[in-house]
């Protein structure tokens, strides 16, 4: 939805000690359950077997033999088929009460929370010890967000007038990707009009144009 979940996932992965953790990142989640399992195996350097059970057994044995703790990051997890979610639960509980062969991190849109709340996925939900939710920017955070982007691009000052920021917030609802899109188009509109600052009129026109597409 543009709230920065993939960016946050990348920052989390880079924050892990490379000497202690081996990170596997999977984002193609619309494939079949066997295809999903094969992706995980391939990410570890294994070749998928002919059958799913064979591949799963080889994968678990491989992960348990690694000197580092494996962290499996699954982005776009809300798109996983039910069978793939079930497979993840079984992979984390492969041998009675032994420690899971990997730490599982599921990243997805709000639909993921709804799906994990369904009765058939309750065993998997119980294994997820920490849950975090990214919220949109509030109105006070939006100027700071734009300031950071502008400084990264080399701007010396923020050209957006207060009224323009209010319009951006109203139409973007604080969702970072929408904020970026509207702000960038408003900058182009102000430049085309020969304005030194971005006013509310520029933003309003941009919003009308974007909604007409």
N, C-alpha and C. Protein backbone atom coordinates (compact mmCIF):
# COMPACT_ATOMS: atom_id res chain seq x y z
N UNK A 1 0.81 -1.20 0.00
CA UNK A 1 0.00 0.00 0.00
C UNK A 1 0.85 1.26 0.00
N UNK A 2 2.17 1.09 0.01
CA UNK A 2 3.01 2.27 -0.03
C UNK A 2 3.35 2.84 1.32
N UNK A 3 3.15 2.08 2.40
CA UNK A 3 3.48 2.58 3.74
C UNK A 3 4.93 2.31 4.12
N UNK A 4 5.68 1.66 3.24
CA UNK A 4 7.10 1.45 3.50
C UNK A 4 7.45 0.11 4.11
N UNK A 5 6.59 -0.90 3.95
CA UNK A 5 6.87 -2.19 4.57
C UNK A 5 8.12 -2.85 4.00
N UNK A 6 8.31 -2.76 2.68
CA UNK A 6 9.49 -3.38 2.07
C UNK A 6 10.76 -2.64 2.49
N UNK A 7 10.67 -1.31 2.60
CA UNK A 7 11.82 -0.54 3.07
C UNK A 7 12.17 -0.91 4.50
N UNK A 8 11.15 -1.02 5.35
CA UNK A 8 11.38 -1.40 6.74
C UNK A 8 11.97 -2.81 6.83
N UNK A 9 11.51 -3.70 5.96
CA UNK A 9 12.04 -5.07 5.94
C UNK A 9 13.51 -5.07 5.58
N UNK A 10 13.88 -4.26 4.58
CA UNK A 10 15.28 -4.16 4.18
C UNK A 10 16.16 -3.61 5.30
N UNK A 11 15.67 -2.59 6.00
CA UNK A 11 16.43 -2.03 7.12
C UNK A 11 16.60 -3.05 8.23
N UNK A 12 15.55 -3.81 8.50
CA UNK A 12 15.64 -4.86 9.52
C UNK A 12 16.68 -5.90 9.13
N UNK A 13 16.65 -6.33 7.87
CA UNK A 13 17.60 -7.35 7.41
C UNK A 13 19.04 -6.85 7.54
N UNK A 14 19.27 -5.60 7.19
CA UNK A 14 20.63 -5.05 7.27
C UNK A 14 21.09 -4.81 8.70
N UNK A 15 20.13 -4.74 9.62
CA UNK A 15 20.49 -4.52 11.02
C UNK A 15 20.96 -5.79 11.72
N UNK A 16 20.71 -6.93 11.11
CA UNK A 16 21.10 -8.19 11.72
C UNK A 16 22.60 -8.43 11.56
N UNK A 17 23.19 -8.99 12.57
CA UNK A 17 24.63 -9.30 12.57
C UNK A 17 24.90 -10.39 11.54
N UNK A 18 25.66 -10.05 10.50
CA UNK A 18 25.93 -11.01 9.42
C UNK A 18 26.72 -12.22 9.91
N UNK A 19 27.43 -12.07 11.02
CA UNK A 19 28.21 -13.18 11.54
C UNK A 19 27.33 -14.20 12.26
N UNK A 20 26.12 -13.78 12.62
CA UNK A 20 25.24 -14.66 13.39
C UNK A 20 23.99 -15.09 12.65
N UNK A 21 23.59 -14.30 11.62
CA UNK A 21 22.32 -14.57 10.93
C UNK A 21 22.52 -14.69 9.42
N UNK A 22 21.77 -15.62 8.86
CA UNK A 22 21.73 -15.80 7.41
C UNK A 22 20.30 -15.47 6.97
N UNK A 23 20.16 -14.41 6.16
CA UNK A 23 18.83 -13.92 5.79
C UNK A 23 18.42 -14.45 4.43
N UNK A 24 17.22 -15.01 4.35
CA UNK A 24 16.62 -15.44 3.09
C UNK A 24 15.42 -14.52 2.83
N UNK A 25 15.40 -13.89 1.66
CA UNK A 25 14.31 -12.96 1.34
C UNK A 25 13.51 -13.53 0.17
N UNK A 26 12.20 -13.69 0.37
CA UNK A 26 11.30 -14.21 -0.66
C UNK A 26 10.16 -13.22 -0.84
N UNK A 27 9.87 -12.85 -2.09
CA UNK A 27 8.76 -11.92 -2.33
C UNK A 27 7.79 -12.40 -3.40
N UNK A 28 8.15 -13.45 -4.15
CA UNK A 28 7.25 -13.99 -5.16
C UNK A 28 6.35 -15.01 -4.47
N UNK A 29 5.18 -14.54 -4.04
CA UNK A 29 4.32 -15.37 -3.19
C UNK A 29 3.06 -15.87 -3.88
N UNK A 30 2.90 -15.56 -5.15
CA UNK A 30 1.68 -15.97 -5.86
C UNK A 30 1.86 -17.31 -6.57
N UNK A 31 2.99 -17.96 -6.36
CA UNK A 31 3.24 -19.25 -7.00
C UNK A 31 2.55 -20.37 -6.23
N UNK A 32 2.60 -21.58 -6.77
CA UNK A 32 2.01 -22.73 -6.10
C UNK A 32 2.80 -23.04 -4.83
N UNK A 33 2.21 -23.79 -3.90
CA UNK A 33 2.93 -24.15 -2.67
C UNK A 33 4.27 -24.84 -2.95
N UNK A 34 4.30 -25.74 -3.94
CA UNK A 34 5.57 -26.40 -4.26
C UNK A 34 6.56 -25.40 -4.83
N UNK A 35 6.06 -24.47 -5.65
CA UNK A 35 6.93 -23.44 -6.20
C UNK A 35 7.49 -22.54 -5.12
N UNK A 36 6.67 -22.23 -4.12
CA UNK A 36 7.12 -21.39 -3.01
C UNK A 36 8.21 -22.10 -2.22
N UNK A 37 7.99 -23.37 -1.92
CA UNK A 37 8.99 -24.15 -1.18
C UNK A 37 10.28 -24.27 -1.99
N UNK A 38 10.14 -24.44 -3.30
CA UNK A 38 11.31 -24.54 -4.16
C UNK A 38 12.12 -23.25 -4.16
N UNK A 39 11.42 -22.10 -4.07
CA UNK A 39 12.12 -20.81 -3.99
C UNK A 39 12.98 -20.74 -2.74
N UNK A 40 12.42 -21.18 -1.62
CA UNK A 40 13.18 -21.15 -0.37
C UNK A 40 14.41 -22.04 -0.48
N UNK A 41 14.21 -23.23 -1.04
CA UNK A 41 15.33 -24.15 -1.20
C UNK A 41 16.41 -23.55 -2.10
N UNK A 42 15.99 -22.95 -3.20
CA UNK A 42 16.95 -22.35 -4.13
C UNK A 42 17.72 -21.22 -3.47
N UNK A 43 17.06 -20.46 -2.59
CA UNK A 43 17.73 -19.35 -1.91
C UNK A 43 18.84 -19.84 -0.99
N UNK A 44 18.74 -21.09 -0.55
CA UNK A 44 19.78 -21.67 0.30
C UNK A 44 20.85 -22.38 -0.52
N UNK A 45 20.65 -22.47 -1.83
CA UNK A 45 21.60 -23.16 -2.69
C UNK A 45 21.24 -24.60 -2.97
N UNK A 46 20.06 -25.03 -2.52
CA UNK A 46 19.63 -26.41 -2.74
C UNK A 46 18.82 -26.52 -4.03
N UNK A 47 18.85 -27.68 -4.62
CA UNK A 47 18.01 -27.96 -5.78
C UNK A 47 16.75 -28.67 -5.30
N UNK A 48 15.61 -28.19 -5.76
CA UNK A 48 14.34 -28.79 -5.34
C UNK A 48 14.26 -30.24 -5.79
N UNK A 49 13.69 -31.08 -4.93
CA UNK A 49 13.49 -32.47 -5.28
C UNK A 49 12.26 -32.64 -6.15
N UNK A 50 11.97 -33.89 -6.48
CA UNK A 50 10.82 -34.16 -7.34
C UNK A 50 9.52 -33.96 -6.60
N UNK A 51 9.54 -34.21 -5.29
CA UNK A 51 8.33 -34.12 -4.50
C UNK A 51 8.50 -33.07 -3.40
N UNK A 52 7.38 -32.48 -2.98
CA UNK A 52 7.44 -31.41 -1.97
C UNK A 52 8.00 -31.92 -0.65
N UNK A 53 7.57 -33.10 -0.23
CA UNK A 53 8.06 -33.65 1.03
C UNK A 53 9.56 -33.87 1.02
N UNK A 54 10.06 -34.33 -0.12
CA UNK A 54 11.49 -34.55 -0.26
C UNK A 54 12.26 -33.24 -0.17
N UNK A 55 11.73 -32.22 -0.82
CA UNK A 55 12.37 -30.90 -0.80
C UNK A 55 12.34 -30.32 0.60
N UNK A 56 11.21 -30.46 1.28
CA UNK A 56 11.07 -29.92 2.64
C UNK A 56 12.06 -30.59 3.59
N UNK A 57 12.21 -31.90 3.50
CA UNK A 57 13.12 -32.63 4.38
C UNK A 57 14.56 -32.19 4.15
N UNK A 58 14.94 -32.04 2.87
CA UNK A 58 16.31 -31.61 2.55
C UNK A 58 16.56 -30.19 3.04
N UNK A 59 15.56 -29.34 2.90
CA UNK A 59 15.69 -27.95 3.33
C UNK A 59 15.88 -27.86 4.84
N UNK A 60 15.05 -28.58 5.59
CA UNK A 60 15.15 -28.54 7.05
C UNK A 60 16.50 -29.07 7.52
N UNK A 61 16.94 -30.18 6.94
CA UNK A 61 18.23 -30.74 7.32
C UNK A 61 19.36 -29.76 7.02
N UNK A 62 19.26 -29.09 5.88
CA UNK A 62 20.29 -28.12 5.50
C UNK A 62 20.32 -26.95 6.48
N UNK A 63 19.15 -26.40 6.82
CA UNK A 63 19.08 -25.26 7.72
C UNK A 63 19.57 -25.61 9.12
N UNK A 64 19.25 -26.81 9.58
CA UNK A 64 19.70 -27.21 10.91
C UNK A 64 21.20 -27.42 10.96
N UNK A 65 21.82 -27.65 9.82
CA UNK A 65 23.26 -27.86 9.79
C UNK A 65 24.08 -26.59 9.61
N UNK A 66 23.41 -25.47 9.39
CA UNK A 66 24.13 -24.22 9.19
C UNK A 66 24.65 -23.66 10.52
N UNK A 67 25.83 -23.03 10.51
CA UNK A 67 26.36 -22.44 11.75
C UNK A 67 25.63 -21.17 12.16
N UNK A 68 24.97 -20.51 11.21
CA UNK A 68 24.25 -19.28 11.50
C UNK A 68 22.75 -19.57 11.65
N UNK A 69 22.08 -18.70 12.37
CA UNK A 69 20.63 -18.77 12.51
C UNK A 69 20.00 -18.20 11.24
N UNK A 70 19.11 -18.96 10.61
CA UNK A 70 18.46 -18.50 9.38
C UNK A 70 17.21 -17.68 9.71
N UNK A 71 17.08 -16.55 9.03
CA UNK A 71 15.89 -15.71 9.15
C UNK A 71 15.21 -15.69 7.79
N UNK A 72 14.00 -16.21 7.73
CA UNK A 72 13.24 -16.25 6.48
C UNK A 72 12.29 -15.07 6.45
N UNK A 73 12.55 -14.11 5.55
CA UNK A 73 11.71 -12.93 5.38
C UNK A 73 10.81 -13.15 4.17
N UNK A 74 9.51 -13.20 4.40
CA UNK A 74 8.55 -13.40 3.31
C UNK A 74 7.77 -12.11 3.12
N UNK A 75 8.10 -11.37 2.05
CA UNK A 75 7.38 -10.14 1.74
C UNK A 75 6.15 -10.48 0.91
N UNK A 76 5.17 -9.59 0.90
CA UNK A 76 3.90 -9.82 0.21
C UNK A 76 3.24 -11.12 0.68
N UNK A 77 3.37 -11.39 1.97
CA UNK A 77 2.87 -12.65 2.52
C UNK A 77 1.35 -12.75 2.50
N UNK A 78 0.67 -11.62 2.36
CA UNK A 78 -0.80 -11.66 2.29
C UNK A 78 -1.30 -12.36 1.04
N UNK A 79 -0.40 -12.54 0.04
CA UNK A 79 -0.78 -13.20 -1.21
C UNK A 79 -0.50 -14.71 -1.20
N UNK A 80 0.09 -15.21 -0.13
CA UNK A 80 0.41 -16.64 -0.07
C UNK A 80 -0.87 -17.48 -0.09
N UNK A 81 -0.87 -18.56 -0.87
CA UNK A 81 -2.01 -19.49 -0.81
C UNK A 81 -2.13 -20.09 0.60
N UNK A 82 -3.32 -20.51 0.95
CA UNK A 82 -3.53 -21.12 2.27
C UNK A 82 -2.58 -22.29 2.50
N UNK A 83 -2.37 -23.07 1.46
CA UNK A 83 -1.50 -24.26 1.60
C UNK A 83 -0.06 -23.86 1.91
N UNK A 84 0.39 -22.74 1.37
CA UNK A 84 1.76 -22.28 1.65
C UNK A 84 1.89 -21.81 3.09
N UNK A 85 0.86 -21.15 3.60
CA UNK A 85 0.87 -20.75 5.01
C UNK A 85 0.91 -21.99 5.91
N UNK A 86 0.18 -23.00 5.53
CA UNK A 86 0.19 -24.25 6.30
C UNK A 86 1.58 -24.89 6.24
N UNK A 87 2.20 -24.85 5.07
CA UNK A 87 3.55 -25.43 4.93
C UNK A 87 4.55 -24.71 5.82
N UNK A 88 4.45 -23.38 5.89
CA UNK A 88 5.36 -22.62 6.75
C UNK A 88 5.19 -23.03 8.21
N UNK A 89 3.94 -23.23 8.61
CA UNK A 89 3.70 -23.66 9.99
C UNK A 89 4.32 -25.03 10.24
N UNK A 90 4.17 -25.94 9.29
CA UNK A 90 4.73 -27.29 9.46
C UNK A 90 6.26 -27.27 9.44
N UNK A 91 6.84 -26.40 8.63
CA UNK A 91 8.30 -26.31 8.57
C UNK A 91 8.89 -25.81 9.88
N UNK A 92 8.15 -24.94 10.57
CA UNK A 92 8.66 -24.42 11.84
C UNK A 92 8.41 -25.39 12.99
N UNK A 93 7.69 -26.47 12.73
CA UNK A 93 7.39 -27.45 13.79
C UNK A 93 7.67 -28.85 13.26
N UNK A 94 8.85 -29.03 12.69
CA UNK A 94 9.12 -30.28 11.99
C UNK A 94 9.46 -31.44 12.91
N UNK A 95 9.87 -31.15 14.15
CA UNK A 95 10.38 -32.24 14.98
C UNK A 95 9.98 -32.02 16.45
N UNK A 96 8.72 -32.28 16.73
CA UNK A 96 8.19 -32.18 18.10
C UNK A 96 8.52 -30.82 18.71
N UNK A 97 9.27 -30.81 19.80
CA UNK A 97 9.50 -29.56 20.53
C UNK A 97 10.86 -28.95 20.23
N UNK A 98 11.54 -29.43 19.21
CA UNK A 98 12.84 -28.84 18.89
C UNK A 98 12.65 -27.42 18.37
N UNK A 99 13.71 -26.65 18.51
CA UNK A 99 13.68 -25.27 18.04
C UNK A 99 13.46 -25.23 16.53
N UNK A 100 12.66 -24.27 16.07
CA UNK A 100 12.39 -24.14 14.64
C UNK A 100 13.69 -23.98 13.87
N UNK A 101 13.80 -24.56 12.67
CA UNK A 101 15.03 -24.46 11.89
C UNK A 101 15.28 -23.06 11.34
N UNK A 102 14.33 -22.16 11.48
CA UNK A 102 14.52 -20.78 11.03
C UNK A 102 13.56 -19.86 11.78
N UNK A 103 13.94 -18.59 11.80
CA UNK A 103 13.04 -17.57 12.35
C UNK A 103 12.21 -17.02 11.20
N UNK A 104 10.92 -16.99 11.36
CA UNK A 104 10.01 -16.60 10.29
C UNK A 104 9.51 -15.17 10.50
N UNK A 105 9.64 -14.35 9.44
CA UNK A 105 9.11 -12.99 9.46
C UNK A 105 8.17 -12.85 8.27
N UNK A 106 6.89 -12.63 8.54
CA UNK A 106 5.89 -12.43 7.48
C UNK A 106 5.59 -10.95 7.36
N UNK A 107 5.68 -10.43 6.14
CA UNK A 107 5.45 -9.01 5.88
C UNK A 107 4.36 -8.89 4.83
N UNK A 108 3.34 -8.10 5.11
CA UNK A 108 2.26 -7.99 4.14
C UNK A 108 1.32 -6.84 4.43
N UNK A 109 0.32 -6.70 3.60
CA UNK A 109 -0.71 -5.69 3.75
C UNK A 109 -1.71 -6.11 4.85
N UNK A 110 -2.62 -5.22 5.24
CA UNK A 110 -3.56 -5.53 6.34
C UNK A 110 -4.31 -6.85 6.16
N UNK A 111 -4.49 -7.29 4.91
CA UNK A 111 -5.17 -8.56 4.66
C UNK A 111 -4.46 -9.71 5.37
N UNK A 112 -3.15 -9.62 5.54
CA UNK A 112 -2.40 -10.69 6.20
C UNK A 112 -2.90 -10.89 7.62
N UNK A 113 -3.16 -9.80 8.33
CA UNK A 113 -3.66 -9.90 9.70
C UNK A 113 -5.01 -10.61 9.73
N UNK A 114 -5.85 -10.29 8.75
CA UNK A 114 -7.16 -10.92 8.68
C UNK A 114 -7.04 -12.42 8.40
N UNK A 115 -6.14 -12.76 7.50
CA UNK A 115 -5.99 -14.18 7.14
C UNK A 115 -5.42 -14.98 8.31
N UNK A 116 -4.47 -14.40 9.03
CA UNK A 116 -3.90 -15.12 10.18
C UNK A 116 -4.92 -15.25 11.30
N UNK A 117 -5.97 -14.45 11.26
CA UNK A 117 -7.03 -14.56 12.25
C UNK A 117 -8.04 -15.64 11.94
N UNK A 118 -7.92 -16.25 10.76
CA UNK A 118 -8.84 -17.32 10.40
C UNK A 118 -8.49 -18.60 11.17
N UNK A 119 -9.50 -19.39 11.53
CA UNK A 119 -9.26 -20.57 12.38
C UNK A 119 -8.21 -21.53 11.84
N UNK A 120 -8.17 -21.73 10.51
CA UNK A 120 -7.22 -22.72 9.98
C UNK A 120 -5.76 -22.27 10.10
N UNK A 121 -5.55 -20.96 10.30
CA UNK A 121 -4.19 -20.45 10.42
C UNK A 121 -3.82 -20.08 11.85
N UNK A 122 -4.67 -20.44 12.80
CA UNK A 122 -4.39 -20.12 14.20
C UNK A 122 -3.10 -20.75 14.70
N UNK A 123 -2.77 -22.02 14.34
CA UNK A 123 -1.50 -22.59 14.80
C UNK A 123 -0.29 -21.79 14.34
N UNK A 124 -0.34 -21.27 13.10
CA UNK A 124 0.77 -20.44 12.62
C UNK A 124 0.79 -19.10 13.35
N UNK A 125 -0.37 -18.50 13.53
CA UNK A 125 -0.45 -17.21 14.22
C UNK A 125 0.11 -17.29 15.63
N UNK A 126 -0.10 -18.42 16.29
CA UNK A 126 0.40 -18.58 17.65
C UNK A 126 1.93 -18.63 17.69
N UNK A 127 2.54 -18.98 16.58
CA UNK A 127 4.00 -19.08 16.53
C UNK A 127 4.67 -17.74 16.23
N UNK A 128 3.86 -16.74 15.88
CA UNK A 128 4.41 -15.42 15.59
C UNK A 128 4.41 -14.61 16.88
N UNK A 129 5.56 -14.48 17.49
CA UNK A 129 5.64 -13.88 18.82
C UNK A 129 5.57 -12.36 18.84
N UNK A 130 5.94 -11.72 17.74
CA UNK A 130 5.96 -10.25 17.68
C UNK A 130 5.17 -9.79 16.47
N UNK A 131 4.32 -8.79 16.68
CA UNK A 131 3.53 -8.24 15.57
C UNK A 131 3.69 -6.72 15.55
N UNK A 132 4.01 -6.19 14.40
CA UNK A 132 4.20 -4.76 14.22
C UNK A 132 3.31 -4.26 13.10
N UNK A 133 2.85 -3.02 13.24
CA UNK A 133 2.00 -2.44 12.21
C UNK A 133 2.53 -1.06 11.83
N UNK A 134 2.74 -0.84 10.54
CA UNK A 134 3.16 0.47 10.05
C UNK A 134 1.91 1.33 9.84
N UNK A 135 1.91 2.50 10.42
CA UNK A 135 0.79 3.41 10.23
C UNK A 135 1.20 4.52 9.27
N UNK A 136 0.25 5.19 8.64
CA UNK A 136 0.57 6.33 7.77
C UNK A 136 1.19 7.48 8.56
N UNK A 137 1.78 8.42 7.86
CA UNK A 137 2.32 9.62 8.50
C UNK A 137 1.18 10.46 9.04
N UNK A 138 1.41 11.13 10.16
CA UNK A 138 0.42 12.11 10.61
C UNK A 138 0.78 13.47 10.02
N UNK A 139 -0.06 14.47 10.25
CA UNK A 139 0.14 15.76 9.58
C UNK A 139 1.42 16.45 10.01
N UNK A 140 1.85 16.22 11.24
CA UNK A 140 3.09 16.84 11.73
C UNK A 140 4.32 16.16 11.15
N UNK A 141 4.20 14.88 10.81
CA UNK A 141 5.35 14.13 10.28
C UNK A 141 5.57 14.37 8.79
N UNK A 142 4.51 14.74 8.08
CA UNK A 142 4.61 14.88 6.63
C UNK A 142 5.68 15.89 6.19
N UNK A 143 5.75 17.12 6.77
CA UNK A 143 6.81 18.05 6.37
C UNK A 143 8.22 17.50 6.63
N UNK A 144 8.37 16.78 7.74
CA UNK A 144 9.68 16.20 8.05
C UNK A 144 10.06 15.14 7.02
N UNK A 145 9.06 14.37 6.61
CA UNK A 145 9.27 13.34 5.58
C UNK A 145 9.73 13.98 4.27
N UNK A 146 9.05 15.05 3.85
CA UNK A 146 9.42 15.73 2.62
C UNK A 146 10.78 16.42 2.75
N UNK A 147 11.05 17.01 3.92
CA UNK A 147 12.35 17.66 4.15
C UNK A 147 13.49 16.68 3.93
N UNK A 148 13.32 15.48 4.44
CA UNK A 148 14.39 14.48 4.32
C UNK A 148 14.63 14.12 2.86
N UNK A 149 13.55 13.95 2.12
CA UNK A 149 13.68 13.60 0.71
C UNK A 149 14.30 14.76 -0.09
N UNK A 150 13.88 15.96 0.23
CA UNK A 150 14.40 17.13 -0.48
C UNK A 150 15.89 17.33 -0.21
N UNK A 151 16.30 17.16 1.03
CA UNK A 151 17.72 17.29 1.38
C UNK A 151 18.55 16.21 0.69
N UNK A 152 18.00 15.00 0.61
CA UNK A 152 18.70 13.92 -0.07
C UNK A 152 18.89 14.22 -1.55
N UNK A 153 17.94 15.00 -2.11
CA UNK A 153 18.03 15.37 -3.53
C UNK A 153 18.87 16.62 -3.75
N UNK A 154 19.35 17.23 -2.65
CA UNK A 154 20.21 18.40 -2.78
C UNK A 154 19.51 19.73 -2.59
N UNK A 155 18.24 19.72 -2.22
CA UNK A 155 17.52 20.98 -2.02
C UNK A 155 18.00 21.68 -0.76
N UNK A 156 18.08 23.01 -0.82
CA UNK A 156 18.53 23.80 0.33
C UNK A 156 17.37 24.18 1.25
N UNK A 157 16.17 24.23 0.72
CA UNK A 157 15.02 24.55 1.55
C UNK A 157 13.78 23.87 0.99
N UNK A 158 12.77 23.79 1.82
CA UNK A 158 11.52 23.15 1.42
C UNK A 158 10.66 24.17 0.68
N UNK A 159 10.34 23.91 -0.60
CA UNK A 159 9.57 24.89 -1.39
C UNK A 159 8.05 24.80 -1.19
N UNK A 160 7.60 23.87 -0.38
CA UNK A 160 6.15 23.68 -0.23
C UNK A 160 5.58 24.65 0.80
N UNK A 161 4.58 25.39 0.40
CA UNK A 161 3.90 26.30 1.32
C UNK A 161 3.03 25.51 2.28
N UNK A 162 2.77 26.05 3.48
CA UNK A 162 1.96 25.32 4.48
C UNK A 162 0.60 24.85 3.94
N UNK A 163 -0.07 25.68 3.15
CA UNK A 163 -1.37 25.28 2.60
C UNK A 163 -1.21 24.11 1.64
N UNK A 164 -0.09 24.09 0.90
CA UNK A 164 0.17 22.99 -0.03
C UNK A 164 0.38 21.69 0.73
N UNK A 165 1.09 21.76 1.85
CA UNK A 165 1.33 20.57 2.68
C UNK A 165 0.02 20.02 3.21
N UNK A 166 -0.89 20.92 3.59
CA UNK A 166 -2.19 20.48 4.10
C UNK A 166 -2.97 19.74 3.03
N UNK A 167 -2.90 20.24 1.78
CA UNK A 167 -3.62 19.59 0.68
C UNK A 167 -3.00 18.23 0.37
N UNK A 168 -1.67 18.17 0.39
CA UNK A 168 -0.99 16.89 0.15
C UNK A 168 -1.41 15.86 1.20
N UNK A 169 -1.44 16.28 2.45
CA UNK A 169 -1.81 15.36 3.53
C UNK A 169 -3.25 14.87 3.34
N UNK A 170 -4.13 15.79 3.00
CA UNK A 170 -5.54 15.44 2.84
C UNK A 170 -5.74 14.40 1.74
N UNK A 171 -5.07 14.57 0.62
CA UNK A 171 -5.30 13.68 -0.52
C UNK A 171 -4.46 12.39 -0.44
N UNK A 172 -3.34 12.43 0.26
CA UNK A 172 -2.49 11.23 0.37
C UNK A 172 -2.87 10.37 1.57
N UNK A 173 -3.60 10.96 2.52
CA UNK A 173 -3.96 10.30 3.79
C UNK A 173 -2.71 9.84 4.55
N UNK A 174 -1.59 10.52 4.26
CA UNK A 174 -0.36 10.22 4.99
C UNK A 174 0.38 8.99 4.52
N UNK A 175 -0.07 8.36 3.46
CA UNK A 175 0.61 7.16 2.95
C UNK A 175 1.86 7.62 2.19
N UNK A 176 3.05 7.21 2.63
CA UNK A 176 4.30 7.75 2.08
C UNK A 176 4.41 7.73 0.56
N UNK A 177 4.04 6.62 -0.07
CA UNK A 177 4.19 6.56 -1.52
C UNK A 177 3.29 7.57 -2.21
N UNK A 178 2.08 7.76 -1.69
CA UNK A 178 1.18 8.76 -2.26
C UNK A 178 1.70 10.17 -2.01
N UNK A 179 2.26 10.39 -0.84
CA UNK A 179 2.86 11.69 -0.55
C UNK A 179 3.95 12.00 -1.56
N UNK A 180 4.82 11.03 -1.81
CA UNK A 180 5.91 11.22 -2.78
C UNK A 180 5.37 11.53 -4.16
N UNK A 181 4.39 10.78 -4.60
CA UNK A 181 3.86 10.96 -5.95
C UNK A 181 3.22 12.33 -6.14
N UNK A 182 2.40 12.73 -5.18
CA UNK A 182 1.72 14.03 -5.28
C UNK A 182 2.72 15.16 -5.18
N UNK A 183 3.66 15.07 -4.25
CA UNK A 183 4.65 16.13 -4.06
C UNK A 183 5.52 16.30 -5.30
N UNK A 184 5.95 15.20 -5.90
CA UNK A 184 6.81 15.29 -7.08
C UNK A 184 6.07 15.94 -8.24
N UNK A 185 4.83 15.52 -8.47
CA UNK A 185 4.06 16.11 -9.56
C UNK A 185 3.77 17.59 -9.30
N UNK A 186 3.57 17.95 -8.03
CA UNK A 186 3.33 19.35 -7.69
C UNK A 186 4.57 20.20 -7.93
N UNK A 187 5.74 19.63 -7.68
CA UNK A 187 6.99 20.34 -7.99
C UNK A 187 7.10 20.63 -9.48
N UNK A 188 6.78 19.63 -10.28
CA UNK A 188 6.82 19.81 -11.74
C UNK A 188 5.82 20.87 -12.17
N UNK A 189 4.63 20.85 -11.57
CA UNK A 189 3.58 21.82 -11.92
C UNK A 189 4.00 23.23 -11.57
N UNK A 190 4.64 23.40 -10.41
CA UNK A 190 5.10 24.73 -10.00
C UNK A 190 6.21 25.22 -10.92
N UNK A 191 7.09 24.33 -11.29
CA UNK A 191 8.18 24.70 -12.20
C UNK A 191 7.63 25.11 -13.56
N UNK A 192 6.65 24.36 -14.08
CA UNK A 192 6.04 24.69 -15.37
C UNK A 192 5.33 26.03 -15.34
N UNK A 193 4.80 26.40 -14.16
CA UNK A 193 4.07 27.66 -14.02
C UNK A 193 5.00 28.83 -13.67
N UNK A 194 6.28 28.54 -13.54
CA UNK A 194 7.24 29.58 -13.22
C UNK A 194 7.18 30.06 -11.79
N UNK A 195 6.67 29.23 -10.89
CA UNK A 195 6.56 29.61 -9.47
C UNK A 195 7.80 29.16 -8.70
N UNK A 196 8.19 29.98 -7.72
CA UNK A 196 9.35 29.66 -6.90
C UNK A 196 8.99 28.75 -5.72
N UNK A 197 7.73 28.70 -5.40
CA UNK A 197 7.25 27.81 -4.32
C UNK A 197 6.08 26.99 -4.85
N UNK A 198 5.78 25.92 -4.12
CA UNK A 198 4.64 25.07 -4.47
C UNK A 198 3.47 25.47 -3.58
N UNK A 199 2.42 26.01 -4.20
CA UNK A 199 1.26 26.45 -3.43
C UNK A 199 0.14 25.43 -3.51
N UNK A 200 -0.94 25.70 -2.79
CA UNK A 200 -2.07 24.77 -2.75
C UNK A 200 -2.70 24.58 -4.12
N UNK A 201 -2.69 25.63 -4.94
CA UNK A 201 -3.29 25.53 -6.27
C UNK A 201 -2.56 24.50 -7.12
N UNK A 202 -1.23 24.48 -7.03
CA UNK A 202 -0.45 23.49 -7.78
C UNK A 202 -0.82 22.08 -7.37
N UNK A 203 -0.94 21.87 -6.07
CA UNK A 203 -1.25 20.54 -5.57
C UNK A 203 -2.66 20.12 -5.99
N UNK A 204 -3.60 21.05 -5.88
CA UNK A 204 -4.98 20.75 -6.27
C UNK A 204 -5.07 20.34 -7.73
N UNK A 205 -4.35 21.06 -8.59
CA UNK A 205 -4.38 20.74 -10.01
C UNK A 205 -3.78 19.37 -10.28
N UNK A 206 -2.70 19.08 -9.58
CA UNK A 206 -2.03 17.78 -9.74
C UNK A 206 -2.98 16.65 -9.31
N UNK A 207 -3.66 16.84 -8.20
CA UNK A 207 -4.59 15.82 -7.71
C UNK A 207 -5.70 15.56 -8.72
N UNK A 208 -6.23 16.65 -9.29
CA UNK A 208 -7.29 16.51 -10.30
C UNK A 208 -6.77 15.73 -11.49
N UNK A 209 -5.56 16.07 -11.94
CA UNK A 209 -4.97 15.38 -13.09
C UNK A 209 -4.72 13.90 -12.81
N UNK A 210 -4.23 13.60 -11.61
CA UNK A 210 -3.92 12.21 -11.25
C UNK A 210 -5.19 11.39 -11.13
N UNK A 211 -6.24 11.98 -10.60
CA UNK A 211 -7.50 11.25 -10.45
C UNK A 211 -8.19 11.02 -11.78
N UNK A 212 -7.83 11.85 -12.78
CA UNK A 212 -8.44 11.71 -14.11
C UNK A 212 -7.80 10.60 -14.92
N UNK A 213 -6.62 10.12 -14.48
CA UNK A 213 -5.92 9.08 -15.23
C UNK A 213 -6.63 7.72 -15.09
